[in-house]
């Protein structure tokens, strides 16, 4: 299985959110370590797994863009 690893800045360009918002609000609430992102070598840098994030965002019945929320809900965009 091929995986595309993205930095915070690259992810922000794809999902149209500010990198700071991703780091401070989405990390560990919407985007979970080990599922949506990894810390290579236990460092501070984050690498996001695009395929996992993309699959979680495309959960609407009409394949519209949606964002998973912390308590299991979905925000449709």
PDB file of N, CA and C in Angstrom:
ATOM      1  N   UNK A   1       0.846  -1.188   0.000  1.00  0.00           N
ATOM      2  CA  UNK A   1       0.000   0.000   0.000  1.00  0.00           C
ATOM      3  C   UNK A   1       0.889   1.249   0.000  1.00  0.00           C
ATOM      4  N   UNK A   2       0.728   2.063  -1.017  1.00  0.00           N
ATOM      5  CA  UNK A   2       1.495   3.295  -1.102  1.00  0.00           C
ATOM      6  C   UNK A   2       0.858   4.351  -0.219  1.00  0.00           C
ATOM      7  N   UNK A   3       1.697   5.071   0.496  1.00  0.00           N
ATOM      8  CA  UNK A   3       1.220   6.150   1.352  1.00  0.00           C
ATOM      9  C   UNK A   3       1.906   7.434   0.953  1.00  0.00           C
ATOM     10  N   UNK A   4       1.167   8.511   0.990  1.00  0.00           N
ATOM     11  CA  UNK A   4       1.703   9.827   0.706  1.00  0.00           C
ATOM     12  C   UNK A   4       1.818  10.576   2.023  1.00  0.00           C
ATOM     13  N   UNK A   5       3.038  10.908   2.399  1.00  0.00           N
ATOM     14  CA  UNK A   5       3.283  11.627   3.641  1.00  0.00           C
ATOM     15  C   UNK A   5       3.423  13.106   3.341  1.00  0.00           C
ATOM     16  N   UNK A   6       2.680  13.930   4.076  1.00  0.00           N
ATOM     17  CA  UNK A   6       2.671  15.369   3.865  1.00  0.00           C
ATOM     18  C   UNK A   6       3.108  16.098   5.125  1.00  0.00           C
ATOM     19  N   UNK A   7       3.819  17.203   4.942  1.00  0.00           N
ATOM     20  CA  UNK A   7       4.121  18.079   6.070  1.00  0.00           C
ATOM     21  C   UNK A   7       2.857  18.869   6.419  1.00  0.00           C
ATOM     22  N   UNK A   8       2.887  19.589   7.506  1.00  0.00           N
ATOM     23  CA  UNK A   8       1.740  20.401   7.902  1.00  0.00           C
ATOM     24  C   UNK A   8       1.406  21.437   6.835  1.00  0.00           C
ATOM     25  N   UNK A   9       2.426  22.041   6.260  1.00  0.00           N
ATOM     26  CA  UNK A   9       2.206  23.063   5.232  1.00  0.00           C
ATOM     27  C   UNK A   9       1.587  22.455   3.971  1.00  0.00           C
ATOM     28  N   UNK A  10       2.058  21.283   3.560  1.00  0.00           N
ATOM     29  CA  UNK A  10       1.495  20.625   2.377  1.00  0.00           C
ATOM     30  C   UNK A  10       0.046  20.219   2.622  1.00  0.00           C
ATOM     31  N   UNK A  11      -0.255  19.712   3.821  1.00  0.00           N
ATOM     32  CA  UNK A  11      -1.630  19.347   4.156  1.00  0.00           C
ATOM     33  C   UNK A  11      -2.531  20.577   4.149  1.00  0.00           C
ATOM     34  N   UNK A  12      -2.025  21.689   4.670  1.00  0.00           N
ATOM     35  CA  UNK A  12      -2.835  22.911   4.720  1.00  0.00           C
ATOM     36  C   UNK A  12      -3.221  23.389   3.324  1.00  0.00           C
ATOM     37  N   UNK A  13      -2.335  23.193   2.349  1.00  0.00           N
ATOM     38  CA  UNK A  13      -2.654  23.570   0.967  1.00  0.00           C
ATOM     39  C   UNK A  13      -3.764  22.691   0.401  1.00  0.00           C
ATOM     40  N   UNK A  14      -3.796  21.422   0.781  1.00  0.00           N
ATOM     41  CA  UNK A  14      -4.802  20.498   0.230  1.00  0.00           C
ATOM     42  C   UNK A  14      -6.165  20.655   0.879  1.00  0.00           C
ATOM     43  N   UNK A  15      -6.213  20.895   2.199  1.00  0.00           N
ATOM     44  CA  UNK A  15      -7.518  20.973   2.867  1.00  0.00           C
ATOM     45  C   UNK A  15      -7.940  22.411   3.153  1.00  0.00           C
ATOM     46  N   UNK A  16      -7.129  23.372   2.762  1.00  0.00           N
ATOM     47  CA  UNK A  16      -7.455  24.802   2.865  1.00  0.00           C
ATOM     48  C   UNK A  16      -7.676  25.274   4.297  1.00  0.00           C
ATOM     49  N   UNK A  17      -6.829  24.804   5.206  1.00  0.00           N
ATOM     50  CA  UNK A  17      -6.800  25.304   6.572  1.00  0.00           C
ATOM     51  C   UNK A  17      -5.411  25.815   6.859  1.00  0.00           C
ATOM     52  N   UNK A  18      -5.288  26.783   7.720  1.00  0.00           N
ATOM     53  CA  UNK A  18      -4.005  27.344   8.110  1.00  0.00           C
ATOM     54  C   UNK A  18      -3.169  26.279   8.842  1.00  0.00           C
ATOM     55  N   UNK A  19      -1.852  26.223   8.600  1.00  0.00           N
ATOM     56  CA  UNK A  19      -1.013  25.236   9.293  1.00  0.00           C
ATOM     57  C   UNK A  19      -1.115  25.333  10.814  1.00  0.00           C
ATOM     58  N   UNK A  20      -1.266  26.543  11.315  1.00  0.00           N
ATOM     59  CA  UNK A  20      -1.394  26.728  12.765  1.00  0.00           C
ATOM     60  C   UNK A  20      -2.673  26.089  13.301  1.00  0.00           C
ATOM     61  N   UNK A  21      -3.765  26.200  12.552  1.00  0.00           N
ATOM     62  CA  UNK A  21      -5.030  25.579  12.944  1.00  0.00           C
ATOM     63  C   UNK A  21      -4.881  24.061  12.978  1.00  0.00           C
ATOM     64  N   UNK A  22      -4.199  23.502  11.991  1.00  0.00           N
ATOM     65  CA  UNK A  22      -3.985  22.052  11.951  1.00  0.00           C
ATOM     66  C   UNK A  22      -3.189  21.608  13.176  1.00  0.00           C
ATOM     67  N   UNK A  23      -2.100  22.325  13.479  1.00  0.00           N
ATOM     68  CA  UNK A  23      -1.246  21.948  14.612  1.00  0.00           C
ATOM     69  C   UNK A  23      -1.925  22.127  15.963  1.00  0.00           C
ATOM     70  N   UNK A  24      -2.671  23.224  16.124  1.00  0.00           N
ATOM     71  CA  UNK A  24      -3.203  23.563  17.445  1.00  0.00           C
ATOM     72  C   UNK A  24      -4.608  23.032  17.708  1.00  0.00           C
ATOM     73  N   UNK A  25      -5.441  22.869  16.675  1.00  0.00           N
ATOM     74  CA  UNK A  25      -6.822  22.474  16.915  1.00  0.00           C
ATOM     75  C   UNK A  25      -7.163  21.087  16.406  1.00  0.00           C
ATOM     76  N   UNK A  26      -6.626  20.695  15.251  1.00  0.00           N
ATOM     77  CA  UNK A  26      -6.968  19.396  14.676  1.00  0.00           C
ATOM     78  C   UNK A  26      -6.123  18.261  15.238  1.00  0.00           C
ATOM     79  N   UNK A  27      -4.849  18.537  15.513  1.00  0.00           N
ATOM     80  CA  UNK A  27      -3.942  17.493  15.985  1.00  0.00           C
ATOM     81  C   UNK A  27      -4.422  16.987  17.340  1.00  0.00           C
ATOM     82  N   UNK A  28      -4.524  15.685  17.461  1.00  0.00           N
ATOM     83  CA  UNK A  28      -4.928  14.971  18.672  1.00  0.00           C
ATOM     84  C   UNK A  28      -6.401  15.126  19.036  1.00  0.00           C
ATOM     85  N   UNK A  29      -7.199  15.787  18.192  1.00  0.00           N
ATOM     86  CA  UNK A  29      -8.640  15.802  18.425  1.00  0.00           C
ATOM     87  C   UNK A  29      -9.347  15.225  17.198  1.00  0.00           C
ATOM     88  N   UNK A  30      -9.070  15.763  16.032  1.00  0.00           N
ATOM     89  CA  UNK A  30      -9.648  15.252  14.787  1.00  0.00           C
ATOM     90  C   UNK A  30      -8.657  14.329  14.097  1.00  0.00           C
ATOM     91  N   UNK A  31      -7.413  14.753  14.046  1.00  0.00           N
ATOM     92  CA  UNK A  31      -6.350  13.960  13.427  1.00  0.00           C
ATOM     93  C   UNK A  31      -5.558  13.266  14.537  1.00  0.00           C
ATOM     94  N   UNK A  32      -5.558  11.944  14.525  1.00  0.00           N
ATOM     95  CA  UNK A  32      -4.985  11.170  15.612  1.00  0.00           C
ATOM     96  C   UNK A  32      -3.628  10.589  15.246  1.00  0.00           C
ATOM     97  N   UNK A  33      -2.709  10.630  16.215  1.00  0.00           N
ATOM     98  CA  UNK A  33      -1.372  10.080  16.002  1.00  0.00           C
ATOM     99  C   UNK A  33      -1.456   8.568  15.796  1.00  0.00           C
ATOM    100  N   UNK A  34      -0.740   8.081  14.822  1.00  0.00           N
ATOM    101  CA  UNK A  34      -0.749   6.666  14.495  1.00  0.00           C
ATOM    102  C   UNK A  34      -1.804   6.291  13.470  1.00  0.00           C
ATOM    103  N   UNK A  35      -2.809   7.131  13.301  1.00  0.00           N
ATOM    104  CA  UNK A  35      -3.851   6.895  12.304  1.00  0.00           C
ATOM    105  C   UNK A  35      -3.720   7.912  11.175  1.00  0.00           C
ATOM    106  N   UNK A  36      -3.731   9.187  11.526  1.00  0.00           N
ATOM    107  CA  UNK A  36      -3.684  10.252  10.532  1.00  0.00           C
ATOM    108  C   UNK A  36      -2.294  10.870  10.380  1.00  0.00           C
ATOM    109  N   UNK A  37      -1.455  10.743  11.394  1.00  0.00           N
ATOM    110  CA  UNK A  37      -0.110  11.293  11.293  1.00  0.00           C
ATOM    111  C   UNK A  37       0.867  10.485  12.135  1.00  0.00           C
ATOM    112  N   UNK A  38       2.153  10.652  11.818  1.00  0.00           N
ATOM    113  CA  UNK A  38       3.220  10.008  12.571  1.00  0.00           C
ATOM    114  C   UNK A  38       4.279  11.050  12.918  1.00  0.00           C
ATOM    115  N   UNK A  39       5.092  10.700  13.897  1.00  0.00           N
ATOM    116  CA  UNK A  39       6.252  11.503  14.267  1.00  0.00           C
ATOM    117  C   UNK A  39       7.481  10.651  13.960  1.00  0.00           C
ATOM    118  N   UNK A  40       8.145  10.899  12.825  1.00  0.00           N
ATOM    119  CA  UNK A  40       9.294  10.066  12.480  1.00  0.00           C
ATOM    120  C   UNK A  40      10.404  10.197  13.524  1.00  0.00           C
ATOM    121  N   UNK A  41      10.904   9.062  13.949  1.00  0.00           N
ATOM    122  CA  UNK A  41      11.995   8.976  14.913  1.00  0.00           C
ATOM    123  C   UNK A  41      11.662   9.665  16.236  1.00  0.00           C
ATOM    124  N   UNK A  42      10.382   9.779  16.574  1.00  0.00           N
ATOM    125  CA  UNK A  42       9.965  10.379  17.840  1.00  0.00           C
ATOM    126  C   UNK A  42      10.239  11.861  17.935  1.00  0.00           C
ATOM    127  N   UNK A  43      10.468  12.502  16.811  1.00  0.00           N
ATOM    128  CA  UNK A  43      10.810  13.924  16.797  1.00  0.00           C
ATOM    129  C   UNK A  43       9.608  14.840  16.873  1.00  0.00           C
ATOM    130  N   UNK A  44       9.862  16.115  16.669  1.00  0.00           N
ATOM    131  CA  UNK A  44       8.804  17.120  16.723  1.00  0.00           C
ATOM    132  C   UNK A  44       8.058  17.261  15.408  1.00  0.00           C
ATOM    133  N   UNK A  45       8.720  16.908  14.308  1.00  0.00           N
ATOM    134  CA  UNK A  45       8.102  17.052  12.986  1.00  0.00           C
ATOM    135  C   UNK A  45       6.948  16.071  12.828  1.00  0.00           C
ATOM    136  N   UNK A  46       5.884  16.526  12.178  1.00  0.00           N
ATOM    137  CA  UNK A  46       4.716  15.694  11.921  1.00  0.00           C
ATOM    138  C   UNK A  46       4.635  15.382  10.443  1.00  0.00           C
ATOM    139  N   UNK A  47       4.327  14.134  10.114  1.00  0.00           N
ATOM    140  CA  UNK A  47       4.050  13.740   8.739  1.00  0.00           C
ATOM    141  C   UNK A  47       2.643  13.159   8.701  1.00  0.00           C
ATOM    142  N   UNK A  48       1.785  13.774   7.906  1.00  0.00           N
ATOM    143  CA  UNK A  48       0.390  13.358   7.810  1.00  0.00           C
ATOM    144  C   UNK A  48       0.228  12.349   6.684  1.00  0.00           C
ATOM    145  N   UNK A  49      -0.616  11.346   6.904  1.00  0.00           N
ATOM    146  CA  UNK A  49      -0.864  10.293   5.924  1.00  0.00           C
ATOM    147  C   UNK A  49      -2.087  10.705   5.112  1.00  0.00           C
ATOM    148  N   UNK A  50      -1.851  11.147   3.886  1.00  0.00           N
ATOM    149  CA  UNK A  50      -2.901  11.735   3.067  1.00  0.00           C
ATOM    150  C   UNK A  50      -4.049  10.769   2.780  1.00  0.00           C
ATOM    151  N   UNK A  51      -3.758   9.540   2.429  1.00  0.00           N
ATOM    152  CA  UNK A  51      -4.806   8.593   2.062  1.00  0.00           C
ATOM    153  C   UNK A  51      -5.795   8.371   3.210  1.00  0.00           C
ATOM    154  N   UNK A  52      -5.305   8.278   4.432  1.00  0.00           N
ATOM    155  CA  UNK A  52      -6.181   8.087   5.594  1.00  0.00           C
ATOM    156  C   UNK A  52      -7.051   9.317   5.826  1.00  0.00           C
ATOM    157  N   UNK A  53      -6.452  10.489   5.746  1.00  0.00           N
ATOM    158  CA  UNK A  53      -7.206  11.732   5.938  1.00  0.00           C
ATOM    159  C   UNK A  53      -8.250  11.884   4.838  1.00  0.00           C
ATOM    160  N   UNK A  54      -7.861  11.608   3.613  1.00  0.00           N
ATOM    161  CA  UNK A  54      -8.777  11.726   2.486  1.00  0.00           C
ATOM    162  C   UNK A  54      -9.953  10.760   2.621  1.00  0.00           C
ATOM    163  N   UNK A  55      -9.700   9.527   3.009  1.00  0.00           N
ATOM    164  CA  UNK A  55     -10.775   8.550   3.193  1.00  0.00           C
ATOM    165  C   UNK A  55     -11.727   8.974   4.297  1.00  0.00           C
ATOM    166  N   UNK A  56     -11.204   9.518   5.393  1.00  0.00           N
ATOM    167  CA  UNK A  56     -12.058   9.970   6.494  1.00  0.00           C
ATOM    168  C   UNK A  56     -12.878  11.195   6.114  1.00  0.00           C
ATOM    169  N   UNK A  57     -12.337  12.048   5.250  1.00  0.00           N
ATOM    170  CA  UNK A  57     -13.051  13.252   4.835  1.00  0.00           C
ATOM    171  C   UNK A  57     -14.160  12.941   3.844  1.00  0.00           C
ATOM    172  N   UNK A  58     -14.051  11.863   3.101  1.00  0.00           N
ATOM    173  CA  UNK A  58     -15.033  11.516   2.078  1.00  0.00           C
ATOM    174  C   UNK A  58     -16.050  10.513   2.617  1.00  0.00           C
ATOM    175  N   UNK A  59     -16.681  10.838   3.725  1.00  0.00           N
ATOM    176  CA  UNK A  59     -17.621   9.908   4.333  1.00  0.00           C
ATOM    177  C   UNK A  59     -19.083  10.221   4.020  1.00  0.00           C
ATOM    178  N   UNK A  60     -19.340  11.273   3.251  1.00  0.00           N
ATOM    179  CA  UNK A  60     -20.721  11.628   2.904  1.00  0.00           C
ATOM    180  C   UNK A  60     -21.299  10.676   1.878  1.00  0.00           C
ATOM    181  N   UNK A  61     -22.615  10.536   1.869  1.00  0.00           N
ATOM    182  CA  UNK A  61     -23.260   9.613   0.942  1.00  0.00           C
ATOM    183  C   UNK A  61     -23.128  10.059  -0.514  1.00  0.00           C
ATOM    184  N   UNK A  62     -23.005  11.367  -0.747  1.00  0.00           N
ATOM    185  CA  UNK A  62     -22.851  11.858  -2.115  1.00  0.00           C
ATOM    186  C   UNK A  62     -21.396  12.159  -2.447  1.00  0.00           C
ATOM    187  N   UNK A  63     -20.477  11.622  -1.654  1.00  0.00           N
ATOM    188  CA  UNK A  63     -19.038  11.826  -1.829  1.00  0.00           C
ATOM    189  C   UNK A  63     -18.641  13.287  -1.757  1.00  0.00           C
ATOM    190  N   UNK A  64     -19.397  14.102  -1.034  1.00  0.00           N
ATOM    191  CA  UNK A  64     -19.014  15.497  -0.847  1.00  0.00           C
ATOM    192  C   UNK A  64     -17.929  15.581   0.218  1.00  0.00           C
ATOM    193  N   UNK A  65     -17.212  16.674   0.207  1.00  0.00           N
ATOM    194  CA  UNK A  65     -16.138  16.872   1.161  1.00  0.00           C
ATOM    195  C   UNK A  65     -16.723  17.077   2.550  1.00  0.00           C
ATOM    196  N   UNK A  66     -16.252  16.306   3.522  1.00  0.00           N
ATOM    197  CA  UNK A  66     -16.692  16.471   4.890  1.00  0.00           C
ATOM    198  C   UNK A  66     -15.501  16.314   5.807  1.00  0.00           C
ATOM    199  N   UNK A  67     -15.576  16.936   6.981  1.00  0.00           N
ATOM    200  CA  UNK A  67     -14.477  16.913   7.930  1.00  0.00           C
ATOM    201  C   UNK A  67     -14.947  16.210   9.197  1.00  0.00           C
ATOM    202  N   UNK A  68     -14.221  15.159   9.639  1.00  0.00           N
ATOM    203  CA  UNK A  68     -14.626  14.473  10.861  1.00  0.00           C
ATOM    204  C   UNK A  68     -14.433  15.353  12.079  1.00  0.00           C
ATOM    205  N   UNK A  69     -15.392  15.304  12.990  1.00  0.00           N
ATOM    206  CA  UNK A  69     -15.333  16.111  14.201  1.00  0.00           C
ATOM    207  C   UNK A  69     -14.891  15.256  15.379  1.00  0.00           C
ATOM    208  N   UNK A  70     -14.478  15.881  16.462  1.00  0.00           N
ATOM    209  CA  UNK A  70     -13.882  15.202  17.602  1.00  0.00           C
ATOM    210  C   UNK A  70     -14.822  14.163  18.242  1.00  0.00           C
ATOM    211  N   UNK A  71     -16.096  14.440  18.303  1.00  0.00           N
ATOM    212  CA  UNK A  71     -17.035  13.536  18.972  1.00  0.00           C
ATOM    213  C   UNK A  71     -17.722  12.577  18.015  1.00  0.00           C
ATOM    214  N   UNK A  72     -17.170  12.421  16.812  1.00  0.00           N
ATOM    215  CA  UNK A  72     -17.722  11.451  15.879  1.00  0.00           C
ATOM    216  C   UNK A  72     -18.657  12.032  14.838  1.00  0.00           C
ATOM    217  N   UNK A  73     -19.002  13.297  14.946  1.00  0.00           N
ATOM    218  CA  UNK A  73     -19.864  13.920  13.949  1.00  0.00           C
ATOM    219  C   UNK A  73     -19.075  14.278  12.700  1.00  0.00           C
ATOM    220  N   UNK A  74     -19.756  14.855  11.720  1.00  0.00           N
ATOM    221  CA  UNK A  74     -19.126  15.235  10.465  1.00  0.00           C
ATOM    222  C   UNK A  74     -19.577  16.621  10.083  1.00  0.00           C
ATOM    223  N   UNK A  75     -18.631  17.491   9.704  1.00  0.00           N
ATOM    224  CA  UNK A  75     -18.945  18.817   9.188  1.00  0.00           C
ATOM    225  C   UNK A  75     -18.865  18.746   7.669  1.00  0.00           C
ATOM    226  N   UNK A  76     -19.974  19.041   7.005  1.00  0.00           N
ATOM    227  CA  UNK A  76     -20.008  18.972   5.545  1.00  0.00           C
ATOM    228  C   UNK A  76     -19.579  20.328   4.977  1.00  0.00           C
ATOM    229  N   UNK A  77     -18.699  20.279   3.974  1.00  0.00           N
ATOM    230  CA  UNK A  77     -18.170  21.544   3.438  1.00  0.00           C
ATOM    231  C   UNK A  77     -18.408  21.711   1.985  1.00  0.00           C
TER     232      UNK A  77
END
